[in-house]
């Protein structure tokens, strides 16, 4: 398997162009007066409508370079254990997303423990406010995904070896069955959460 992805092209607009032209002027949100860079940016921005000459030029340039170059080569052996091959790719992406996340989507209460649910959070000041556990719920979901894919990789590499205990009659202890079922159920839940929140994996 070989995968190479180019970064998404950046849209160059009035602000980006002003930063390039007046590169020596640093942004400062606390400034009292507009700089020449701000005046230049505002002049390019005009009325802010998409039918201005400047926006049309920027949009034309963007459409010429908007195709993201992606190269994927699949070898025959990659599909023999495709789920574990995908886990190797998915796991570092999830870890990086968890480390650099900039926000959080809506996570349903049913997908998290009771102590993280919105119904157990302190009352909100306004109806439109986020409850105190909004971001913790997303963090929990990401961590469950990460754990599941890590265990899939470990199991495929035979690093996870259940300590099975055989009873004198040759049967498997009931407590060990319960432990194995709980372990597999958690992996299954992590992959289900991955599918459920797949389109939210950009926060």
N, C-alpha and C. Protein backbone atom coordinates (compact mmCIF):
# COMPACT_ATOMS: atom_id res chain seq x y z
N UNK A 1 0.84 -1.19 0.00
CA UNK A 1 0.00 0.00 0.00
C UNK A 1 0.88 1.25 0.00
N UNK A 2 0.48 2.22 -0.79
CA UNK A 2 1.20 3.48 -0.85
C UNK A 2 0.17 4.60 -0.92
N UNK A 3 0.31 5.57 -0.03
CA UNK A 3 -0.62 6.69 0.01
C UNK A 3 0.16 7.99 0.12
N UNK A 4 -0.14 8.93 -0.74
CA UNK A 4 0.46 10.25 -0.66
C UNK A 4 -0.61 11.29 -0.95
N UNK A 5 -0.79 12.22 0.00
CA UNK A 5 -1.81 13.25 -0.14
C UNK A 5 -1.18 14.62 -0.02
N UNK A 6 -1.44 15.45 -1.00
CA UNK A 6 -0.99 16.82 -0.95
C UNK A 6 -1.94 17.62 -0.04
N UNK A 7 -1.46 18.69 0.58
CA UNK A 7 -2.35 19.50 1.42
C UNK A 7 -3.41 20.20 0.59
N UNK A 8 -4.52 20.55 1.25
CA UNK A 8 -5.56 21.29 0.56
C UNK A 8 -5.03 22.68 0.18
N UNK A 9 -5.31 23.15 -1.04
CA UNK A 9 -4.86 24.49 -1.43
C UNK A 9 -5.59 25.56 -0.62
N UNK A 10 -4.88 26.61 -0.31
CA UNK A 10 -5.47 27.70 0.47
C UNK A 10 -6.09 28.73 -0.46
N UNK A 11 -7.26 29.21 -0.08
CA UNK A 11 -7.89 30.28 -0.86
C UNK A 11 -7.19 31.60 -0.53
N UNK A 12 -6.68 32.24 -1.54
CA UNK A 12 -5.99 33.52 -1.36
C UNK A 12 -6.99 34.64 -1.59
N UNK A 13 -7.29 35.37 -0.52
CA UNK A 13 -8.24 36.48 -0.61
C UNK A 13 -7.58 37.80 -0.25
N UNK A 14 -8.42 38.77 0.09
CA UNK A 14 -7.92 40.12 0.35
C UNK A 14 -6.98 40.17 1.55
N UNK A 15 -7.30 39.40 2.59
CA UNK A 15 -6.47 39.45 3.79
C UNK A 15 -5.12 38.77 3.56
N UNK A 16 -5.15 37.64 2.87
CA UNK A 16 -3.90 36.92 2.61
C UNK A 16 -2.97 37.74 1.71
N UNK A 17 -3.56 38.41 0.70
CA UNK A 17 -2.75 39.22 -0.19
C UNK A 17 -2.14 40.40 0.55
N UNK A 18 -2.92 41.01 1.43
CA UNK A 18 -2.40 42.13 2.22
C UNK A 18 -1.26 41.68 3.13
N UNK A 19 -1.37 40.48 3.67
CA UNK A 19 -0.29 39.95 4.52
C UNK A 19 0.99 39.74 3.71
N UNK A 20 0.84 39.33 2.45
CA UNK A 20 2.01 39.11 1.60
C UNK A 20 2.66 40.43 1.19
N UNK A 21 1.84 41.41 0.82
CA UNK A 21 2.37 42.69 0.36
C UNK A 21 3.02 43.47 1.50
N UNK A 22 2.33 43.52 2.64
CA UNK A 22 2.84 44.25 3.81
C UNK A 22 3.31 43.27 4.87
N UNK A 23 4.25 42.43 4.48
CA UNK A 23 4.70 41.34 5.34
C UNK A 23 5.37 41.83 6.62
N UNK A 24 5.88 43.06 6.62
CA UNK A 24 6.59 43.56 7.80
C UNK A 24 5.63 44.10 8.87
N UNK A 25 4.36 44.23 8.52
CA UNK A 25 3.37 44.72 9.49
C UNK A 25 2.67 43.53 10.12
N UNK A 26 2.85 43.36 11.40
CA UNK A 26 2.24 42.24 12.12
C UNK A 26 0.84 42.61 12.60
N UNK A 27 -0.04 41.63 12.61
CA UNK A 27 -1.40 41.87 13.08
C UNK A 27 -1.39 42.14 14.58
N UNK A 28 -2.18 43.08 15.00
CA UNK A 28 -2.32 43.39 16.41
C UNK A 28 -3.76 43.79 16.66
N UNK A 29 -4.49 42.94 17.33
CA UNK A 29 -5.91 43.20 17.56
C UNK A 29 -6.15 44.39 18.49
N UNK A 30 -5.11 44.83 19.20
CA UNK A 30 -5.29 45.91 20.17
C UNK A 30 -4.91 47.27 19.61
N UNK A 31 -4.58 47.33 18.32
CA UNK A 31 -4.17 48.62 17.76
C UNK A 31 -5.35 49.59 17.74
N UNK A 32 -5.05 50.86 17.93
CA UNK A 32 -6.10 51.88 17.98
C UNK A 32 -6.44 52.41 16.60
N UNK A 33 -5.46 52.39 15.69
CA UNK A 33 -5.70 52.93 14.35
C UNK A 33 -5.40 51.87 13.30
N UNK A 34 -6.10 51.91 12.21
CA UNK A 34 -5.87 50.98 11.11
C UNK A 34 -4.54 51.28 10.44
N UNK A 35 -3.85 50.24 10.07
CA UNK A 35 -2.58 50.40 9.36
C UNK A 35 -2.86 50.46 7.87
N UNK A 36 -1.80 50.74 7.11
CA UNK A 36 -1.94 50.77 5.66
C UNK A 36 -2.32 49.39 5.13
N UNK A 37 -1.89 48.36 5.84
CA UNK A 37 -2.26 47.00 5.42
C UNK A 37 -3.77 46.80 5.54
N UNK A 38 -4.35 47.30 6.61
CA UNK A 38 -5.80 47.18 6.78
C UNK A 38 -6.56 47.97 5.72
N UNK A 39 -6.06 49.15 5.42
CA UNK A 39 -6.72 49.98 4.41
C UNK A 39 -6.66 49.31 3.04
N UNK A 40 -5.49 48.73 2.74
CA UNK A 40 -5.33 48.02 1.47
C UNK A 40 -6.26 46.81 1.40
N UNK A 41 -6.33 46.06 2.50
CA UNK A 41 -7.20 44.89 2.56
C UNK A 41 -8.66 45.27 2.40
N UNK A 42 -9.08 46.34 3.07
CA UNK A 42 -10.47 46.79 2.97
C UNK A 42 -10.80 47.29 1.57
N UNK A 43 -9.81 47.93 0.91
CA UNK A 43 -10.03 48.41 -0.46
C UNK A 43 -10.25 47.23 -1.41
N UNK A 44 -9.45 46.15 -1.23
CA UNK A 44 -9.63 44.96 -2.05
C UNK A 44 -10.97 44.29 -1.76
N UNK A 45 -11.33 44.29 -0.48
CA UNK A 45 -12.57 43.62 -0.07
C UNK A 45 -13.79 44.32 -0.65
N UNK A 46 -13.71 45.64 -0.76
CA UNK A 46 -14.82 46.40 -1.33
C UNK A 46 -16.09 46.24 -0.52
N UNK A 47 -17.15 45.87 -1.20
CA UNK A 47 -18.46 45.72 -0.54
C UNK A 47 -18.62 44.36 0.11
N UNK A 48 -17.65 43.47 -0.12
CA UNK A 48 -17.75 42.14 0.48
C UNK A 48 -18.59 41.17 -0.32
N UNK A 49 -19.02 41.59 -1.49
CA UNK A 49 -19.85 40.72 -2.33
C UNK A 49 -18.98 39.87 -3.25
N UNK A 50 -19.52 38.73 -3.67
CA UNK A 50 -18.73 37.80 -4.47
C UNK A 50 -18.69 38.16 -5.96
N UNK A 51 -19.33 39.24 -6.33
CA UNK A 51 -19.30 39.62 -7.74
C UNK A 51 -18.30 40.74 -8.01
N UNK A 52 -17.46 41.07 -7.02
CA UNK A 52 -16.45 42.10 -7.23
C UNK A 52 -15.34 41.55 -8.11
N UNK A 53 -14.61 42.42 -8.76
CA UNK A 53 -13.54 42.00 -9.66
C UNK A 53 -12.46 41.22 -8.92
N UNK A 54 -12.16 41.66 -7.69
CA UNK A 54 -11.09 41.00 -6.96
C UNK A 54 -11.48 39.58 -6.56
N UNK A 55 -12.73 39.42 -6.09
CA UNK A 55 -13.16 38.07 -5.71
C UNK A 55 -13.17 37.14 -6.92
N UNK A 56 -13.59 37.66 -8.08
CA UNK A 56 -13.63 36.84 -9.27
C UNK A 56 -12.24 36.36 -9.67
N UNK A 57 -11.25 37.24 -9.52
CA UNK A 57 -9.87 36.85 -9.82
C UNK A 57 -9.39 35.78 -8.84
N UNK A 58 -9.64 36.01 -7.54
CA UNK A 58 -9.22 35.04 -6.52
C UNK A 58 -9.90 33.69 -6.73
N UNK A 59 -11.18 33.72 -7.06
CA UNK A 59 -11.92 32.48 -7.26
C UNK A 59 -11.41 31.74 -8.49
N UNK A 60 -11.05 32.47 -9.54
CA UNK A 60 -10.51 31.85 -10.76
C UNK A 60 -9.18 31.16 -10.47
N UNK A 61 -8.32 31.85 -9.71
CA UNK A 61 -7.02 31.26 -9.34
C UNK A 61 -7.23 30.01 -8.50
N UNK A 62 -8.17 30.07 -7.57
CA UNK A 62 -8.41 28.93 -6.67
C UNK A 62 -8.92 27.72 -7.45
N UNK A 63 -9.81 27.95 -8.41
CA UNK A 63 -10.36 26.82 -9.18
C UNK A 63 -9.28 26.15 -10.02
N UNK A 64 -8.25 26.91 -10.40
CA UNK A 64 -7.17 26.34 -11.21
C UNK A 64 -6.23 25.47 -10.38
N UNK A 65 -6.23 25.68 -9.06
CA UNK A 65 -5.33 24.92 -8.20
C UNK A 65 -6.05 24.18 -7.09
N UNK A 66 -7.36 24.03 -7.23
CA UNK A 66 -8.15 23.46 -6.14
C UNK A 66 -8.14 21.94 -6.10
N UNK A 67 -7.68 21.31 -7.17
CA UNK A 67 -7.65 19.85 -7.17
C UNK A 67 -6.55 19.36 -6.23
N UNK A 68 -6.95 18.61 -5.24
CA UNK A 68 -5.99 18.06 -4.28
C UNK A 68 -5.39 16.78 -4.85
N UNK A 69 -4.09 16.73 -4.96
CA UNK A 69 -3.43 15.56 -5.53
C UNK A 69 -3.35 14.44 -4.51
N UNK A 70 -3.96 13.33 -4.85
CA UNK A 70 -3.97 12.16 -3.97
C UNK A 70 -3.52 10.94 -4.78
N UNK A 71 -2.53 10.23 -4.28
CA UNK A 71 -2.03 9.03 -4.93
C UNK A 71 -2.23 7.84 -3.99
N UNK A 72 -2.95 6.83 -4.44
CA UNK A 72 -3.20 5.64 -3.63
C UNK A 72 -2.89 4.40 -4.48
N UNK A 73 -2.02 3.55 -3.96
CA UNK A 73 -1.74 2.29 -4.62
C UNK A 73 -2.05 1.15 -3.65
N UNK A 74 -2.90 0.24 -4.09
CA UNK A 74 -3.29 -0.90 -3.27
C UNK A 74 -2.63 -2.16 -3.81
N UNK A 75 -1.89 -2.85 -2.95
CA UNK A 75 -1.28 -4.12 -3.33
C UNK A 75 -2.20 -5.27 -2.96
N UNK A 76 -1.97 -6.42 -3.56
CA UNK A 76 -2.87 -7.55 -3.36
C UNK A 76 -2.97 -7.98 -1.90
N UNK A 77 -1.85 -7.92 -1.18
CA UNK A 77 -1.86 -8.38 0.21
C UNK A 77 -2.57 -7.41 1.15
N UNK A 78 -2.87 -6.20 0.69
CA UNK A 78 -3.48 -5.20 1.56
C UNK A 78 -4.91 -5.56 1.93
N UNK A 79 -5.60 -6.30 1.09
CA UNK A 79 -6.99 -6.63 1.37
C UNK A 79 -7.14 -7.94 2.13
N UNK A 80 -6.03 -8.64 2.40
CA UNK A 80 -6.12 -9.90 3.13
C UNK A 80 -6.62 -9.66 4.56
N UNK A 81 -6.12 -8.62 5.19
CA UNK A 81 -6.57 -8.23 6.52
C UNK A 81 -6.80 -6.71 6.50
N UNK A 82 -7.76 -6.32 5.67
CA UNK A 82 -7.94 -4.90 5.39
C UNK A 82 -8.27 -4.10 6.65
N UNK A 83 -9.04 -4.66 7.56
CA UNK A 83 -9.45 -3.92 8.74
C UNK A 83 -8.24 -3.53 9.59
N UNK A 84 -7.25 -4.42 9.69
CA UNK A 84 -6.06 -4.10 10.48
C UNK A 84 -5.15 -3.13 9.73
N UNK A 85 -5.10 -3.24 8.39
CA UNK A 85 -4.33 -2.28 7.61
C UNK A 85 -4.90 -0.87 7.75
N UNK A 86 -6.22 -0.78 7.71
CA UNK A 86 -6.86 0.52 7.87
C UNK A 86 -6.65 1.06 9.28
N UNK A 87 -6.67 0.17 10.27
CA UNK A 87 -6.46 0.60 11.66
C UNK A 87 -5.11 1.27 11.84
N UNK A 88 -4.09 0.76 11.15
CA UNK A 88 -2.74 1.33 11.23
C UNK A 88 -2.73 2.77 10.72
N UNK A 89 -3.57 3.07 9.73
CA UNK A 89 -3.66 4.42 9.18
C UNK A 89 -4.56 5.31 10.03
N UNK A 90 -5.68 4.74 10.48
CA UNK A 90 -6.67 5.51 11.22
C UNK A 90 -6.16 5.93 12.59
N UNK A 91 -5.46 5.04 13.29
CA UNK A 91 -5.03 5.32 14.66
C UNK A 91 -4.21 6.60 14.79
N UNK A 92 -3.13 6.80 14.03
CA UNK A 92 -2.36 8.04 14.20
C UNK A 92 -3.15 9.29 13.81
N UNK A 93 -4.07 9.14 12.86
CA UNK A 93 -4.92 10.28 12.51
C UNK A 93 -5.83 10.67 13.67
N UNK A 94 -6.42 9.67 14.33
CA UNK A 94 -7.27 9.95 15.48
C UNK A 94 -6.48 10.57 16.63
N UNK A 95 -5.28 10.07 16.86
CA UNK A 95 -4.45 10.62 17.93
C UNK A 95 -4.10 12.08 17.66
N UNK A 96 -3.78 12.37 16.41
CA UNK A 96 -3.43 13.74 16.06
C UNK A 96 -4.64 14.65 16.17
N UNK A 97 -5.80 14.17 15.73
CA UNK A 97 -7.02 14.95 15.83
C UNK A 97 -7.35 15.25 17.29
N UNK A 98 -7.18 14.25 18.14
CA UNK A 98 -7.46 14.43 19.57
C UNK A 98 -6.53 15.47 20.18
N UNK A 99 -5.30 15.53 19.69
CA UNK A 99 -4.31 16.45 20.25
C UNK A 99 -4.51 17.89 19.78
N UNK A 100 -5.02 18.07 18.56
CA UNK A 100 -5.09 19.42 17.98
C UNK A 100 -6.52 19.87 17.73
N UNK A 101 -7.51 19.16 18.25
CA UNK A 101 -8.90 19.51 17.95
C UNK A 101 -9.20 20.96 18.32
N UNK A 102 -9.99 21.62 17.47
CA UNK A 102 -10.30 23.03 17.65
C UNK A 102 -11.73 23.25 18.13
N UNK A 103 -12.48 22.20 18.24
CA UNK A 103 -13.87 22.33 18.67
C UNK A 103 -14.45 20.96 18.91
N UNK A 104 -15.76 20.90 18.94
CA UNK A 104 -16.41 19.61 19.18
C UNK A 104 -17.81 19.62 18.58
N UNK A 105 -18.21 18.51 17.94
CA UNK A 105 -19.56 18.41 17.39
C UNK A 105 -20.54 17.99 18.48
N UNK A 106 -21.79 17.91 18.11
CA UNK A 106 -22.80 17.40 19.04
C UNK A 106 -22.62 15.90 19.21
N UNK A 107 -22.47 15.45 20.44
CA UNK A 107 -22.37 14.03 20.75
C UNK A 107 -23.60 13.63 21.54
N UNK A 108 -24.28 12.61 21.11
CA UNK A 108 -25.50 12.18 21.77
C UNK A 108 -25.19 11.58 23.15
N UNK A 109 -26.06 11.85 24.09
CA UNK A 109 -25.87 11.36 25.46
C UNK A 109 -25.75 9.85 25.53
N UNK A 110 -26.43 9.16 24.64
CA UNK A 110 -26.43 7.69 24.68
C UNK A 110 -25.03 7.12 24.42
N UNK A 111 -24.14 7.91 23.85
CA UNK A 111 -22.81 7.42 23.47
C UNK A 111 -21.76 7.66 24.55
N UNK A 112 -22.15 8.24 25.67
CA UNK A 112 -21.17 8.54 26.72
C UNK A 112 -21.70 8.07 28.06
N UNK A 113 -20.82 7.91 29.06
CA UNK A 113 -21.28 7.54 30.40
C UNK A 113 -22.19 8.61 30.99
N UNK A 114 -22.92 8.24 31.99
CA UNK A 114 -23.91 9.14 32.58
C UNK A 114 -23.29 10.43 33.09
N UNK A 115 -22.09 10.36 33.67
CA UNK A 115 -21.49 11.55 34.27
C UNK A 115 -21.10 12.60 33.23
N UNK A 116 -21.09 12.22 31.94
CA UNK A 116 -20.76 13.17 30.87
C UNK A 116 -21.99 13.68 30.13
N UNK A 117 -23.12 13.15 30.44
CA UNK A 117 -24.33 13.49 29.68
C UNK A 117 -24.82 14.90 29.99
N UNK A 118 -25.48 15.49 29.00
CA UNK A 118 -25.99 16.84 29.16
C UNK A 118 -27.04 16.92 30.26
N UNK A 119 -27.71 15.80 30.51
CA UNK A 119 -28.75 15.78 31.53
C UNK A 119 -28.19 15.87 32.94
N UNK A 120 -26.89 15.58 33.11
CA UNK A 120 -26.27 15.66 34.43
C UNK A 120 -25.37 16.88 34.58
N UNK A 121 -25.29 17.71 33.52
CA UNK A 121 -24.46 18.91 33.56
C UNK A 121 -25.18 20.01 34.33
N UNK A 122 -24.42 20.96 34.90
CA UNK A 122 -25.04 22.10 35.58
C UNK A 122 -25.95 22.88 34.63
N UNK A 123 -26.97 23.51 35.14
CA UNK A 123 -27.90 24.28 34.28
C UNK A 123 -27.17 25.34 33.47
N UNK A 124 -27.62 25.54 32.23
CA UNK A 124 -27.03 26.56 31.37
C UNK A 124 -27.66 27.92 31.65
N UNK A 125 -26.87 28.97 31.46
CA UNK A 125 -27.39 30.32 31.67
C UNK A 125 -28.39 30.69 30.59
N UNK A 126 -28.06 30.31 29.34
CA UNK A 126 -28.94 30.57 28.21
C UNK A 126 -29.21 29.27 27.47
N UNK A 127 -30.33 29.18 26.82
CA UNK A 127 -30.71 27.97 26.11
C UNK A 127 -29.73 27.62 25.01
N UNK A 128 -29.16 28.66 24.38
CA UNK A 128 -28.25 28.43 23.25
C UNK A 128 -26.80 28.15 23.69
N UNK A 129 -26.52 28.23 24.96
CA UNK A 129 -25.17 27.95 25.45
C UNK A 129 -24.85 26.47 25.38
N UNK A 130 -23.56 26.15 25.29
CA UNK A 130 -23.11 24.76 25.38
C UNK A 130 -23.00 24.38 26.84
N UNK A 131 -23.40 23.16 27.16
CA UNK A 131 -23.28 22.74 28.56
C UNK A 131 -21.82 22.48 28.90
N UNK A 132 -21.53 22.38 30.18
CA UNK A 132 -20.14 22.28 30.66
C UNK A 132 -19.43 21.00 30.22
N UNK A 133 -20.17 20.01 29.74
CA UNK A 133 -19.56 18.73 29.38
C UNK A 133 -19.55 18.47 27.87
N UNK A 134 -19.87 19.50 27.11
CA UNK A 134 -19.94 19.38 25.65
C UNK A 134 -18.63 18.87 25.06
N UNK A 135 -17.53 19.52 25.42
CA UNK A 135 -16.23 19.16 24.86
C UNK A 135 -15.70 17.86 25.46
N UNK A 136 -16.06 17.58 26.71
CA UNK A 136 -15.63 16.33 27.34
C UNK A 136 -16.27 15.12 26.66
N UNK A 137 -17.50 15.29 26.18
CA UNK A 137 -18.16 14.17 25.49
C UNK A 137 -17.40 13.82 24.20
N UNK A 138 -16.99 14.83 23.45
CA UNK A 138 -16.25 14.58 22.21
C UNK A 138 -14.89 13.96 22.53
N UNK A 139 -14.26 14.43 23.58
CA UNK A 139 -12.98 13.86 23.99
C UNK A 139 -13.13 12.39 24.35
N UNK A 140 -14.21 12.06 25.04
CA UNK A 140 -14.45 10.66 25.42
C UNK A 140 -14.64 9.79 24.18
N UNK A 141 -15.43 10.26 23.22
CA UNK A 141 -15.70 9.50 22.00
C UNK A 141 -14.40 9.27 21.23
N UNK A 142 -13.56 10.29 21.10
CA UNK A 142 -12.29 10.14 20.41
C UNK A 142 -11.40 9.13 21.13
N UNK A 143 -11.38 9.18 22.44
CA UNK A 143 -10.54 8.26 23.21
C UNK A 143 -11.02 6.81 23.07
N UNK A 144 -12.32 6.62 22.98
CA UNK A 144 -12.85 5.27 22.77
C UNK A 144 -12.49 4.74 21.38
N UNK A 145 -12.53 5.63 20.39
CA UNK A 145 -12.11 5.23 19.05
C UNK A 145 -10.63 4.85 19.06
N UNK A 146 -9.82 5.68 19.68
CA UNK A 146 -8.37 5.44 19.72
C UNK A 146 -8.08 4.12 20.41
N UNK A 147 -8.73 3.88 21.52
CA UNK A 147 -8.50 2.62 22.25
C UNK A 147 -8.87 1.42 21.38
N UNK A 148 -10.01 1.50 20.70
CA UNK A 148 -10.48 0.38 19.89
C UNK A 148 -9.50 0.06 18.76
N UNK A 149 -9.06 1.08 18.05
CA UNK A 149 -8.15 0.83 16.92
C UNK A 149 -6.77 0.39 17.41
N UNK A 150 -6.37 0.87 18.58
CA UNK A 150 -5.10 0.40 19.14
C UNK A 150 -5.18 -1.09 19.48
N UNK A 151 -6.30 -1.51 20.04
CA UNK A 151 -6.46 -2.92 20.39
C UNK A 151 -6.59 -3.81 19.15
N UNK A 152 -7.20 -3.28 18.11
CA UNK A 152 -7.27 -4.03 16.85
C UNK A 152 -5.87 -4.29 16.32
N UNK A 153 -5.02 -3.27 16.38
CA UNK A 153 -3.63 -3.44 15.92
C UNK A 153 -2.89 -4.40 16.83
N UNK A 154 -3.06 -4.25 18.14
CA UNK A 154 -2.38 -5.14 19.08
C UNK A 154 -2.81 -6.59 18.88
N UNK A 155 -4.09 -6.81 18.69
CA UNK A 155 -4.61 -8.16 18.52
C UNK A 155 -4.08 -8.80 17.24
N UNK A 156 -3.98 -7.99 16.17
CA UNK A 156 -3.48 -8.50 14.89
C UNK A 156 -2.00 -8.84 14.99
N UNK A 157 -1.28 -8.10 15.84
CA UNK A 157 0.16 -8.36 16.02
C UNK A 157 0.43 -9.36 17.13
N UNK A 158 -0.65 -9.93 17.66
CA UNK A 158 -0.56 -10.93 18.73
C UNK A 158 0.11 -10.38 19.99
N UNK A 159 -0.02 -9.06 20.18
CA UNK A 159 0.50 -8.49 21.41
C UNK A 159 -0.51 -8.65 22.54
N UNK A 160 -1.78 -8.74 22.17
CA UNK A 160 -2.80 -8.98 23.18
C UNK A 160 -3.06 -10.48 23.26
N UNK A 161 -2.75 -11.05 24.40
CA UNK A 161 -2.95 -12.48 24.58
C UNK A 161 -3.83 -12.69 25.82
N UNK A 162 -5.10 -12.97 25.64
CA UNK A 162 -5.99 -13.17 26.79
C UNK A 162 -5.47 -14.28 27.69
N UNK A 163 -5.51 -14.03 28.96
CA UNK A 163 -5.03 -15.01 29.93
C UNK A 163 -6.17 -15.96 30.27
N UNK A 164 -6.45 -16.88 29.35
CA UNK A 164 -7.56 -17.79 29.54
C UNK A 164 -7.25 -18.79 30.66
N UNK A 165 -8.23 -19.05 31.48
CA UNK A 165 -8.09 -20.02 32.56
C UNK A 165 -9.08 -21.16 32.33
N UNK A 166 -8.54 -22.33 32.18
CA UNK A 166 -9.36 -23.50 31.94
C UNK A 166 -9.67 -24.19 33.26
N UNK A 167 -10.93 -24.45 33.50
CA UNK A 167 -11.35 -25.13 34.72
C UNK A 167 -11.02 -26.62 34.62
N UNK A 168 -11.01 -27.33 35.78
CA UNK A 168 -10.68 -28.76 35.78
C UNK A 168 -11.52 -29.58 34.81
N UNK A 169 -12.77 -29.18 34.59
CA UNK A 169 -13.61 -29.94 33.67
C UNK A 169 -13.34 -29.60 32.20
N UNK A 170 -12.34 -28.74 31.96
CA UNK A 170 -11.98 -28.39 30.59
C UNK A 170 -12.74 -27.22 30.01
N UNK A 171 -13.62 -26.61 30.83
CA UNK A 171 -14.40 -25.47 30.33
C UNK A 171 -13.72 -24.16 30.69
N UNK A 172 -14.14 -23.12 30.01
CA UNK A 172 -13.58 -21.79 30.24
C UNK A 172 -14.36 -21.12 31.36
N UNK A 173 -13.65 -20.55 32.33
CA UNK A 173 -14.32 -19.91 33.45
C UNK A 173 -15.30 -18.85 32.99
N UNK A 174 -16.46 -18.80 33.63
CA UNK A 174 -17.49 -17.85 33.24
C UNK A 174 -17.00 -16.42 33.37
N UNK A 175 -16.21 -16.14 34.42
CA UNK A 175 -15.73 -14.77 34.61
C UNK A 175 -14.80 -14.36 33.48
N UNK A 176 -14.08 -15.33 32.92
CA UNK A 176 -13.18 -15.03 31.80
C UNK A 176 -13.97 -14.78 30.54
N UNK A 177 -15.07 -15.52 30.38
CA UNK A 177 -15.95 -15.28 29.22
C UNK A 177 -16.51 -13.87 29.28
N UNK A 178 -16.94 -13.47 30.47
CA UNK A 178 -17.49 -12.12 30.64
C UNK A 178 -16.45 -11.06 30.32
N UNK A 179 -15.21 -11.30 30.75
CA UNK A 179 -14.15 -10.33 30.50
C UNK A 179 -13.86 -10.22 29.01
N UNK A 180 -13.82 -11.35 28.31
CA UNK A 180 -13.58 -11.35 26.87
C UNK A 180 -14.72 -10.67 26.13
N UNK A 181 -15.96 -10.92 26.56
CA UNK A 181 -17.11 -10.30 25.92
C UNK A 181 -17.10 -8.79 26.12
N UNK A 182 -16.73 -8.37 27.32
CA UNK A 182 -16.67 -6.93 27.62
C UNK A 182 -15.58 -6.26 26.78
N UNK A 183 -14.45 -6.94 26.66
CA UNK A 183 -13.33 -6.41 25.86
C UNK A 183 -13.74 -6.25 24.39
N UNK A 184 -14.33 -7.29 23.82
CA UNK A 184 -14.75 -7.24 22.42
C UNK A 184 -15.89 -6.25 22.20
N UNK A 185 -16.76 -6.12 23.18
CA UNK A 185 -17.87 -5.18 23.06
C UNK A 185 -17.36 -3.74 23.03
N UNK A 186 -16.31 -3.47 23.81
CA UNK A 186 -15.76 -2.12 23.81
C UNK A 186 -15.08 -1.80 22.48
N UNK A 187 -14.39 -2.79 21.91
CA UNK A 187 -13.80 -2.58 20.58
C UNK A 187 -14.90 -2.31 19.56
N UNK A 188 -15.95 -3.13 19.62
CA UNK A 188 -17.05 -2.96 18.68
C UNK A 188 -17.69 -1.58 18.83
N UNK A 189 -17.86 -1.13 20.06
CA UNK A 189 -18.45 0.18 20.30
C UNK A 189 -17.56 1.29 19.74
N UNK A 190 -16.24 1.14 19.89
CA UNK A 190 -15.33 2.15 19.36
C UNK A 190 -15.42 2.27 17.85
N UNK A 191 -15.57 1.14 17.17
CA UNK A 191 -15.69 1.18 15.70
C UNK A 191 -17.07 1.71 15.29
N UNK A 192 -18.08 1.44 16.09
CA UNK A 192 -19.42 1.98 15.80
C UNK A 192 -19.40 3.51 15.95
N UNK A 193 -18.74 4.00 17.01
CA UNK A 193 -18.63 5.45 17.20
C UNK A 193 -17.85 6.08 16.04
N UNK A 194 -16.84 5.38 15.55
CA UNK A 194 -16.07 5.87 14.41
C UNK A 194 -16.97 6.06 13.19
N UNK A 195 -17.83 5.09 12.94
CA UNK A 195 -18.75 5.20 11.82
C UNK A 195 -19.80 6.27 12.04
N UNK A 196 -20.30 6.34 13.27
CA UNK A 196 -21.38 7.29 13.58
C UNK A 196 -20.91 8.73 13.45
N UNK A 197 -19.70 9.01 13.91
CA UNK A 197 -19.18 10.38 13.90
C UNK A 197 -18.11 10.58 12.83
N UNK A 198 -18.15 9.74 11.81
CA UNK A 198 -17.13 9.78 10.76
C UNK A 198 -17.03 11.16 10.11
N UNK A 199 -18.16 11.76 9.83
CA UNK A 199 -18.17 13.06 9.14
C UNK A 199 -17.86 14.23 10.09
N UNK A 200 -17.65 13.93 11.36
CA UNK A 200 -17.24 14.94 12.32
C UNK A 200 -15.75 14.88 12.62
N UNK A 201 -15.03 14.03 11.89
CA UNK A 201 -13.60 13.85 12.16
C UNK A 201 -12.78 14.96 11.49
N UNK A 202 -13.10 16.16 11.85
CA UNK A 202 -12.33 17.32 11.39
C UNK A 202 -12.26 18.38 12.49
N UNK A 203 -12.97 18.14 13.58
CA UNK A 203 -13.00 19.10 14.66
C UNK A 203 -11.69 19.08 15.41
